[in-house]
Amino acid sequence: MATDYVLVVLCGYFAWRLWRVGKKTAQASVCSWAAGFVCFGLASLAGGTVHGFSTVLSEAILQSLWKCTIYAVGLASFFLLAGTLSACIMPSVRRFALLIPYVQLIVYALWMATHDDFRYAIYDYAFTNLSIVVLQLHAGISRRAVSAPWLIGGVLASFLAAGVQFSGVALHQHFNHNDLYHVIQMGGMYLFYRGALLLKDR
């Protein structure tokens, strides 16, 4: 619960900073990433509450909070991919490319309506991360986009965090694989934040 709530504060700060920069410079890509961080913060808040108050809250409330966690992660993936497309794809092609995150979100929402396993959220997020890597690699090579090293680094940190969570590695009985996942993800969020600040709409 503690590491989840730290993520809430971190994501909230990053979202606020990105939103201010995005609005000031009129960059839709930066604002979209700000929305993504808001969704990550909501997911961490709901998930942390489930972990911390599972013995106090009713099963119905816990189920609702868990669904909120699941769908917030899906929305975060949507905003991150949409923002990256805005920064990497020419406007003439972008309106078609933006169908990808919309279709991804719809399929994810329909699937998660009957599933609760968090691994599906990670699969969805992994697709978004791989897309970010491809788009930013191209932008870095073709246009020397300064955002590329930061965002690709954030993706690598996210994959490392997911690997730790799947492995079940625990440093202590009170610091399990979920806690370690959150700590590594904090580093990934910082890298994402630094990269998102540098995005420029095409």
C-alpha atoms as a PDB file:
ATOM      1  CA  MET A   1       0.000   0.000   0.000  1.00  0.00           C
ATOM      2  CA  ALA A   2       2.795   2.424   0.920  1.00  0.00           C
ATOM      3  CA  THR A   3       4.631   2.031  -2.392  1.00  0.00           C
ATOM      4  CA  ASP A   4       1.343   2.374  -4.270  1.00  0.00           C
ATOM      5  CA  TYR A   5       0.566   5.626  -2.496  1.00  0.00           C
ATOM      6  CA  VAL A   6       4.064   6.984  -3.171  1.00  0.00           C
ATOM      7  CA  LEU A   7       3.371   6.290  -6.855  1.00  0.00           C
ATOM      8  CA  VAL A   8       0.139   8.287  -6.553  1.00  0.00           C
ATOM      9  CA  VAL A   9       2.047  11.362  -5.360  1.00  0.00           C
ATOM     10  CA  LEU A  10       4.779  10.905  -7.962  1.00  0.00           C
ATOM     11  CA  CYS A  11       2.339  10.480 -10.841  1.00  0.00           C
ATOM     12  CA  GLY A  12       0.286  13.433  -9.636  1.00  0.00           C
ATOM     13  CA  TYR A  13       3.344  15.701  -9.616  1.00  0.00           C
ATOM     14  CA  PHE A  14       4.510  14.543 -13.031  1.00  0.00           C
ATOM     15  CA  ALA A  15       1.009  14.975 -14.470  1.00  0.00           C
ATOM     16  CA  TRP A  16       0.757  18.513 -13.095  1.00  0.00           C
ATOM     17  CA  ARG A  17       4.158  19.501 -14.510  1.00  0.00           C
ATOM     18  CA  LEU A  18       3.459  17.961 -17.911  1.00  0.00           C
ATOM     19  CA  TRP A  19       0.022  19.562 -18.138  1.00  0.00           C
ATOM     20  CA  ARG A  20       1.457  23.014 -17.423  1.00  0.00           C
ATOM     21  CA  VAL A  21       4.171  22.580 -20.049  1.00  0.00           C
ATOM     22  CA  GLY A  22       1.777  21.070 -22.586  1.00  0.00           C
ATOM     23  CA  LYS A  23      -0.777  23.861 -22.239  1.00  0.00           C
ATOM     24  CA  LYS A  24       1.865  26.594 -22.283  1.00  0.00           C
ATOM     25  CA  THR A  25       3.492  25.278 -25.450  1.00  0.00           C
ATOM     26  CA  ALA A  26       0.251  23.965 -27.032  1.00  0.00           C
ATOM     27  CA  GLN A  27       1.648  20.437 -27.371  1.00  0.00           C
ATOM     28  CA  ALA A  28      -1.129  17.824 -27.498  1.00  0.00           C
ATOM     29  CA  SER A  29       1.430  15.034 -27.118  1.00  0.00           C
ATOM     30  CA  VAL A  30       2.637  16.383 -23.760  1.00  0.00           C
ATOM     31  CA  CYS A  31      -0.927  16.928 -22.510  1.00  0.00           C
ATOM     32  CA  SER A  32      -1.814  13.360 -23.501  1.00  0.00           C
ATOM     33  CA  TRP A  33       1.092  12.034 -21.459  1.00  0.00           C
ATOM     34  CA  ALA A  34      -0.094  14.187 -18.547  1.00  0.00           C
ATOM     35  CA  ALA A  35      -3.481  12.448 -18.778  1.00  0.00           C
ATOM     36  CA  GLY A  36      -1.675   9.112 -18.825  1.00  0.00           C
ATOM     37  CA  PHE A  37       0.085   9.942 -15.578  1.00  0.00           C
ATOM     38  CA  VAL A  38      -3.255  10.907 -14.004  1.00  0.00           C
ATOM     39  CA  CYS A  39      -4.585   7.465 -14.938  1.00  0.00           C
ATOM     40  CA  PHE A  40      -1.508   5.757 -13.510  1.00  0.00           C
ATOM     41  CA  GLY A  41      -2.046   7.702 -10.292  1.00  0.00           C
ATOM     42  CA  LEU A  42      -5.688   6.593 -10.102  1.00  0.00           C
ATOM     43  CA  ALA A  43      -4.659   2.996 -10.703  1.00  0.00           C
ATOM     44  CA  SER A  44      -2.100   3.190  -7.907  1.00  0.00           C
ATOM     45  CA  LEU A  45      -4.592   4.818  -5.538  1.00  0.00           C
ATOM     46  CA  ALA A  46      -7.260   2.184  -6.150  1.00  0.00           C
ATOM     47  CA  GLY A  47      -4.766  -0.692  -6.151  1.00  0.00           C
ATOM     48  CA  GLY A  48      -3.087   0.496  -2.971  1.00  0.00           C
ATOM     49  CA  THR A  49      -6.437   0.777  -1.230  1.00  0.00           C
ATOM     50  CA  VAL A  50      -7.266  -2.804  -2.219  1.00  0.00           C
ATOM     51  CA  HIS A  51      -3.927  -4.033  -0.856  1.00  0.00           C
ATOM     52  CA  GLY A  52      -4.097  -2.012   2.343  1.00  0.00           C
ATOM     53  CA  PHE A  53      -7.741  -2.371   3.317  1.00  0.00           C
ATOM     54  CA  SER A  54      -8.669  -5.835   2.015  1.00  0.00           C
ATOM     55  CA  THR A  55      -9.636  -6.974   5.513  1.00  0.00           C
ATOM     56  CA  VAL A  56     -11.793  -3.915   6.212  1.00  0.00           C
ATOM     57  CA  LEU A  57     -13.708  -3.186   3.015  1.00  0.00           C
ATOM     58  CA  SER A  58     -16.546  -5.294   1.670  1.00  0.00           C
ATOM     59  CA  GLU A  59     -15.997  -7.678  -1.228  1.00  0.00           C
ATOM     60  CA  ALA A  60     -18.182  -5.526  -3.487  1.00  0.00           C
ATOM     61  CA  ILE A  61     -16.115  -2.397  -2.793  1.00  0.00           C
ATOM     62  CA  LEU A  62     -12.845  -4.279  -3.251  1.00  0.00           C
ATOM     63  CA  GLN A  63     -14.071  -5.648  -6.576  1.00  0.00           C
ATOM     64  CA  SER A  64     -15.073  -2.159  -7.734  1.00  0.00           C
ATOM     65  CA  LEU A  65     -11.697  -0.717  -6.718  1.00  0.00           C
ATOM     66  CA  TRP A  66      -9.876  -3.514  -8.528  1.00  0.00           C
ATOM     67  CA  LYS A  67     -11.886  -2.877 -11.696  1.00  0.00           C
ATOM     68  CA  CYS A  68     -10.990   0.805 -11.363  1.00  0.00           C
ATOM     69  CA  THR A  69      -7.322  -0.200 -11.154  1.00  0.00           C
ATOM     70  CA  ILE A  70      -7.573  -2.408 -14.229  1.00  0.00           C
ATOM     71  CA  TYR A  71      -9.379   0.146 -16.381  1.00  0.00           C
ATOM     72  CA  ALA A  72      -7.196   3.048 -15.256  1.00  0.00           C
ATOM     73  CA  VAL A  73      -4.112   1.161 -16.452  1.00  0.00           C
ATOM     74  CA  GLY A  74      -5.820   0.610 -19.800  1.00  0.00           C
ATOM     75  CA  LEU A  75      -6.634   4.314 -20.090  1.00  0.00           C
ATOM     76  CA  ALA A  76      -3.041   5.187 -19.217  1.00  0.00           C
ATOM     77  CA  SER A  77      -1.845   2.975 -22.070  1.00  0.00           C
ATOM     78  CA  PHE A  78      -4.278   4.721 -24.400  1.00  0.00           C
ATOM     79  CA  PHE A  79      -3.079   8.221 -23.541  1.00  0.00           C
ATOM     80  CA  LEU A  80       0.613   7.310 -23.676  1.00  0.00           C
ATOM     81  CA  LEU A  81       0.308   5.735 -27.112  1.00  0.00           C
ATOM     82  CA  ALA A  82      -1.920   8.530 -28.452  1.00  0.00           C
ATOM     83  CA  GLY A  83       0.542  11.142 -27.191  1.00  0.00           C
ATOM     84  CA  THR A  84       3.504   9.359 -28.728  1.00  0.00           C
ATOM     85  CA  LEU A  85       1.705   9.050 -32.072  1.00  0.00           C
ATOM     86  CA  SER A  86       0.976  12.788 -31.989  1.00  0.00           C
ATOM     87  CA  ALA A  87       4.689  13.461 -31.632  1.00  0.00           C
ATOM     88  CA  CYS A  88       5.914  10.905 -34.181  1.00  0.00           C
ATOM     89  CA  ILE A  89       3.375  10.652 -37.008  1.00  0.00           C
ATOM     90  CA  MET A  90       2.676  13.250 -39.678  1.00  0.00           C
ATOM     91  CA  PRO A  91      -0.780  14.872 -39.378  1.00  0.00           C
ATOM     92  CA  SER A  92      -1.920  13.467 -42.733  1.00  0.00           C
ATOM     93  CA  VAL A  93      -1.391   9.922 -41.474  1.00  0.00           C
ATOM     94  CA  ARG A  94      -2.007  10.462 -37.772  1.00  0.00           C
ATOM     95  CA  ARG A  95      -5.808  10.420 -37.909  1.00  0.00           C
ATOM     96  CA  PHE A  96      -5.618   6.860 -39.209  1.00  0.00           C
ATOM     97  CA  ALA A  97      -2.803   5.822 -36.860  1.00  0.00           C
ATOM     98  CA  LEU A  98      -4.802   7.074 -33.886  1.00  0.00           C
ATOM     99  CA  LEU A  99      -7.336   4.340 -34.570  1.00  0.00           C
ATOM    100  CA  ILE A 100      -4.802   1.917 -33.072  1.00  0.00           C
ATOM    101  CA  PRO A 101      -5.032   3.125 -29.436  1.00  0.00           C
ATOM    102  CA  TYR A 102      -8.815   3.448 -29.749  1.00  0.00           C
ATOM    103  CA  VAL A 103      -9.205  -0.129 -30.978  1.00  0.00           C
ATOM    104  CA  GLN A 104      -6.723  -1.323 -28.349  1.00  0.00           C
ATOM    105  CA  LEU A 105      -8.703   0.381 -25.573  1.00  0.00           C
ATOM    106  CA  ILE A 106     -12.053  -1.006 -26.752  1.00  0.00           C
ATOM    107  CA  VAL A 107     -10.730  -4.571 -27.033  1.00  0.00           C
ATOM    108  CA  TYR A 108      -9.062  -4.285 -23.622  1.00  0.00           C
ATOM    109  CA  ALA A 109     -12.192  -2.900 -21.952  1.00  0.00           C
ATOM    110  CA  LEU A 110     -14.377  -5.658 -23.373  1.00  0.00           C
ATOM    111  CA  TRP A 111     -11.907  -8.368 -22.351  1.00  0.00           C
ATOM    112  CA  MET A 112     -11.431  -7.037 -18.817  1.00  0.00           C
ATOM    113  CA  ALA A 113     -15.185  -6.861 -18.300  1.00  0.00           C
ATOM    114  CA  THR A 114     -15.032 -10.609 -17.683  1.00  0.00           C
ATOM    115  CA  HIS A 115     -11.433 -10.971 -16.431  1.00  0.00           C
ATOM    116  CA  ASP A 116      -9.649  -9.694 -13.320  1.00  0.00           C
ATOM    117  CA  ASP A 117      -6.076 -10.968 -13.637  1.00  0.00           C
ATOM    118  CA  PHE A 118      -3.594  -8.063 -13.607  1.00  0.00           C
ATOM    119  CA  ARG A 119      -1.357  -9.855 -16.097  1.00  0.00           C
ATOM    120  CA  TYR A 120      -3.758  -8.828 -18.872  1.00  0.00           C
ATOM    121  CA  ALA A 121      -3.219  -5.189 -17.924  1.00  0.00           C
ATOM    122  CA  ILE A 122       0.529  -5.813 -18.198  1.00  0.00           C
ATOM    123  CA  TYR A 123       0.073  -7.440 -21.636  1.00  0.00           C
ATOM    124  CA  ASP A 124      -1.874  -4.405 -22.814  1.00  0.00           C
ATOM    125  CA  TYR A 125       0.723  -2.049 -21.355  1.00  0.00           C
ATOM    126  CA  ALA A 126       3.500  -4.106 -22.981  1.00  0.00           C
ATOM    127  CA  PHE A 127       1.962  -3.535 -26.428  1.00  0.00           C
ATOM    128  CA  THR A 128       1.914   0.201 -25.752  1.00  0.00           C
ATOM    129  CA  ASN A 129       5.514   0.131 -24.546  1.00  0.00           C
ATOM    130  CA  LEU A 130       6.703  -1.767 -27.613  1.00  0.00           C
ATOM    131  CA  SER A 131       4.895   0.728 -29.827  1.00  0.00           C
ATOM    132  CA  ILE A 132       6.577   3.605 -27.990  1.00  0.00           C
ATOM    133  CA  VAL A 133       9.995   2.004 -28.541  1.00  0.00           C
ATOM    134  CA  VAL A 134       9.390   1.571 -32.291  1.00  0.00           C
ATOM    135  CA  LEU A 135       8.036   5.105 -32.725  1.00  0.00           C
ATOM    136  CA  GLN A 136      10.769   6.737 -30.667  1.00  0.00           C
ATOM    137  CA  LEU A 137      13.560   4.727 -32.267  1.00  0.00           C
ATOM    138  CA  HIS A 138      12.381   5.954 -35.646  1.00  0.00           C
ATOM    139  CA  ALA A 139      12.071   9.530 -34.374  1.00  0.00           C
ATOM    140  CA  GLY A 140      15.499   9.363 -32.770  1.00  0.00           C
ATOM    141  CA  ILE A 141      17.184   8.037 -35.898  1.00  0.00           C
ATOM    142  CA  SER A 142      15.316  10.094 -38.495  1.00  0.00           C
ATOM    143  CA  ARG A 143      14.858  13.359 -36.618  1.00  0.00           C
ATOM    144  CA  ARG A 144      17.243  13.027 -33.682  1.00  0.00           C
ATOM    145  CA  ALA A 145      14.328  13.406 -31.276  1.00  0.00           C
ATOM    146  CA  VAL A 146      15.775  14.202 -27.841  1.00  0.00           C
ATOM    147  CA  SER A 147      12.836  12.439 -26.168  1.00  0.00           C
ATOM    148  CA  ALA A 148      13.862   9.036 -27.538  1.00  0.00           C
ATOM    149  CA  PRO A 149      16.565   7.984 -24.999  1.00  0.00           C
ATOM    150  CA  TRP A 150      14.370   8.939 -22.039  1.00  0.00           C
ATOM    151  CA  LEU A 151      11.195   7.225 -23.265  1.00  0.00           C
ATOM    152  CA  ILE A 152      13.003   4.093 -24.408  1.00  0.00           C
ATOM    153  CA  GLY A 153      14.730   3.995 -21.013  1.00  0.00           C
ATOM    154  CA  GLY A 154      11.321   4.264 -19.355  1.00  0.00           C
ATOM    155  CA  VAL A 155      10.078   1.313 -21.394  1.00  0.00           C
ATOM    156  CA  LEU A 156      13.092  -0.806 -20.415  1.00  0.00           C
ATOM    157  CA  ALA A 157      12.519   0.042 -16.740  1.00  0.00           C
ATOM    158  CA  SER A 158       8.838  -0.897 -17.090  1.00  0.00           C
ATOM    159  CA  PHE A 159       9.731  -4.253 -18.633  1.00  0.00           C
ATOM    160  CA  LEU A 160      12.192  -4.888 -15.809  1.00  0.00           C
ATOM    161  CA  ALA A 161       9.478  -4.045 -13.259  1.00  0.00           C
ATOM    162  CA  ALA A 162       6.994  -6.374 -14.978  1.00  0.00           C
ATOM    163  CA  GLY A 163       9.585  -9.157 -15.032  1.00  0.00           C
ATOM    164  CA  VAL A 164      10.142  -8.776 -11.301  1.00  0.00           C
ATOM    165  CA  GLN A 165       6.413  -8.930 -10.624  1.00  0.00           C
ATOM    166  CA  PHE A 166       5.953 -12.061 -12.701  1.00  0.00           C
ATOM    167  CA  SER A 167       8.981 -13.716 -11.060  1.00  0.00           C
ATOM    168  CA  GLY A 168       7.545 -13.370  -7.556  1.00  0.00           C
ATOM    169  CA  VAL A 169      10.922 -12.252  -6.165  1.00  0.00           C
ATOM    170  CA  ALA A 170      10.640 -10.845  -2.631  1.00  0.00           C
ATOM    171  CA  LEU A 171      13.347  -9.036  -0.647  1.00  0.00           C
ATOM    172  CA  HIS A 172      11.483  -9.476   2.642  1.00  0.00           C
ATOM    173  CA  GLN A 173       8.165 -10.824   3.908  1.00  0.00           C
ATOM    174  CA  HIS A 174       7.000  -7.209   4.193  1.00  0.00           C
ATOM    175  CA  PHE A 175       8.559  -6.154   0.865  1.00  0.00           C
ATOM    176  CA  ASN A 176       7.321  -8.585  -1.769  1.00  0.00           C
ATOM    177  CA  HIS A 177       7.416  -8.671  -5.572  1.00  0.00           C
ATOM    178  CA  ASN A 178       4.598  -6.097  -5.831  1.00  0.00           C
ATOM    179  CA  ASP A 179       6.528  -3.601  -3.703  1.00  0.00           C
ATOM    180  CA  LEU A 180       9.688  -4.144  -5.730  1.00  0.00           C
ATOM    181  CA  TYR A 181       7.665  -3.734  -8.918  1.00  0.00           C
ATOM    182  CA  HIS A 182       6.406  -0.362  -7.688  1.00  0.00           C
ATOM    183  CA  VAL A 183       9.877   0.879  -6.739  1.00  0.00           C
ATOM    184  CA  ILE A 184      11.364  -0.022 -10.130  1.00  0.00           C
ATOM    185  CA  GLN A 185       8.326   1.487 -11.838  1.00  0.00           C
ATOM    186  CA  MET A 186       8.992   4.763 -10.015  1.00  0.00           C
ATOM    187  CA  GLY A 187      12.298   4.988 -11.844  1.00  0.00           C
ATOM    188  CA  GLY A 188      10.527   4.198 -15.090  1.00  0.00           C
ATOM    189  CA  MET A 189       7.963   6.931 -14.440  1.00  0.00           C
ATOM    190  CA  TYR A 190      10.733   9.479 -13.938  1.00  0.00           C
ATOM    191  CA  LEU A 191      12.308   8.506 -17.261  1.00  0.00           C
ATOM    192  CA  PHE A 192       8.897   8.720 -18.949  1.00  0.00           C
ATOM    193  CA  TYR A 193       8.334  12.132 -17.407  1.00  0.00           C
ATOM    194  CA  ARG A 194      11.674  13.493 -18.621  1.00  0.00           C
ATOM    195  CA  GLY A 195      11.020  12.160 -22.108  1.00  0.00           C
ATOM    196  CA  ALA A 196       7.439  13.421 -22.281  1.00  0.00           C
ATOM    197  CA  LEU A 197       8.620  16.944 -21.415  1.00  0.00           C
ATOM    198  CA  LEU A 198      10.650  16.919 -24.630  1.00  0.00           C
ATOM    199  CA  LEU A 199       7.894  15.753 -26.998  1.00  0.00           C
ATOM    200  CA  LYS A 200       6.931  18.023 -29.875  1.00  0.00           C
ATOM    201  CA  ASP A 201       3.799  17.614 -31.969  1.00  0.00           C
ATOM    202  CA  ARG A 202       4.319  16.972 -35.640  1.00  0.00           C
END
